[in-house]
Protein backbone atom coordinates (compact mmCIF):
# COMPACT_ATOMS: atom_id res chain seq x y z
CA MET A 1 164.31 45.90 143.50
CA SER A 2 164.61 48.76 141.05
CA HIS A 3 162.54 51.86 141.40
CA ARG A 4 161.48 54.10 138.55
CA PRO A 5 164.51 56.23 137.81
CA THR A 6 163.80 59.93 137.79
CA LYS A 7 167.32 60.93 136.80
CA ILE A 8 170.33 58.74 136.09
CA LYS A 9 173.30 60.66 137.40
CA THR A 10 175.87 57.88 137.61
CA PHE A 11 176.15 55.12 135.06
CA VAL A 12 178.71 52.79 133.54
CA LEU A 13 178.70 51.05 130.18
CA SER A 14 178.80 47.29 129.92
CA PRO A 15 181.36 46.06 127.37
CA HIS A 16 178.42 45.07 125.14
CA SER A 17 176.87 48.54 125.23
CA ALA A 18 180.24 50.19 124.52
CA ASP A 19 180.58 47.95 121.45
CA ARG A 20 177.04 48.83 120.30
CA MET A 21 177.77 52.56 120.70
CA ARG A 22 180.83 52.26 118.46
CA GLU A 23 179.04 50.07 115.89
CA ARG A 24 176.05 52.41 115.74
CA ASN A 25 178.05 55.64 115.87
CA ILE A 26 176.31 56.88 119.01
CA SER A 27 178.23 59.54 120.89
CA SER A 28 178.42 59.87 124.66
CA THR A 29 176.61 63.21 124.25
CA GLU A 30 173.73 61.47 122.47
CA LEU A 31 173.58 58.77 125.14
CA ARG A 32 173.50 61.42 127.86
CA GLU A 33 170.64 63.15 126.00
CA VAL A 34 168.68 59.89 125.89
CA LEU A 35 169.19 59.34 129.63
CA ASP A 36 168.60 62.96 130.68
CA HIS A 37 165.64 63.82 128.42
CA PRO A 38 163.95 60.63 127.23
CA ASP A 39 160.79 60.77 125.10
CA SER A 40 159.68 57.62 126.90
CA VAL A 41 160.73 55.35 129.77
CA ILE A 42 159.49 51.77 129.81
CA GLU A 43 159.83 49.28 132.65
CA GLN A 44 160.68 45.67 131.78
CA GLY A 45 161.11 43.81 135.04
CA PRO A 46 164.29 45.07 136.66
CA LYS A 47 165.35 46.79 133.40
CA TRP A 48 164.33 50.20 132.11
CA ILE A 49 164.33 51.37 128.52
CA PHE A 50 165.01 55.06 127.89
CA ALA A 51 164.16 56.08 124.32
CA LYS A 52 164.54 59.32 122.43
CA SER A 53 164.52 60.65 118.89
CA ILE A 54 167.75 62.50 118.25
CA GLU A 55 167.60 65.31 115.70
CA GLY A 56 169.77 64.70 112.67
CA ARG A 57 169.84 60.89 112.97
CA SER A 58 168.05 58.84 110.35
CA ASP A 59 168.00 55.74 112.58
CA ASN A 60 165.71 57.19 115.24
CA LYS A 61 164.70 56.24 117.92
CA ILE A 62 167.75 55.54 120.08
CA ALA A 63 167.12 53.45 123.19
CA ALA A 64 169.34 52.64 126.14
CA VAL A 65 168.51 49.63 128.30
CA VAL A 66 169.64 50.18 131.88
CA ILE A 67 169.56 48.26 135.13
CA GLU A 68 170.34 49.48 138.61
CA LYS A 69 173.51 47.82 139.91
CA LYS A 70 173.24 49.36 143.36
CA GLU A 71 171.40 52.39 144.64
CA GLY A 72 172.29 55.31 142.41
CA LEU A 73 174.60 53.38 140.06
CA TRP A 74 173.13 52.26 136.75
CA VAL A 75 174.60 49.98 134.10
CA VAL A 76 173.80 50.59 130.44
CA ILE A 77 173.50 47.01 129.21
CA THR A 78 172.74 47.71 125.55
CA ILE A 79 171.97 50.50 123.10
CA LEU A 80 169.47 50.17 120.27
CA VAL A 81 168.61 52.15 117.16
CA ARG A 82 165.30 52.24 115.27
CA PHE A 83 163.60 51.38 118.55
CA GLU A 84 159.86 50.72 118.44
CA VAL A 85 157.52 49.57 121.17
CA ARG A 86 155.89 46.27 120.25
CA LYS A 87 152.16 46.21 120.65
């Protein structure tokens, strides 16, 4: 069972998320910024969504969906742009 992540120190990219980063021109520095200093963190079952507006990007907000693989190791399963919370 996942616990609310306070800081994601160790993560790996799924092949899908690596493809999305390339397609959406998201740098590893921007991803690290989203994970280290999110504007919001949302729990969705075992998954967590980290979202952040990145200065200089017109496709804000960037979101990374992560799941804990084992204690302390997180997998980024996808990366989104223009992220909005549905009400």
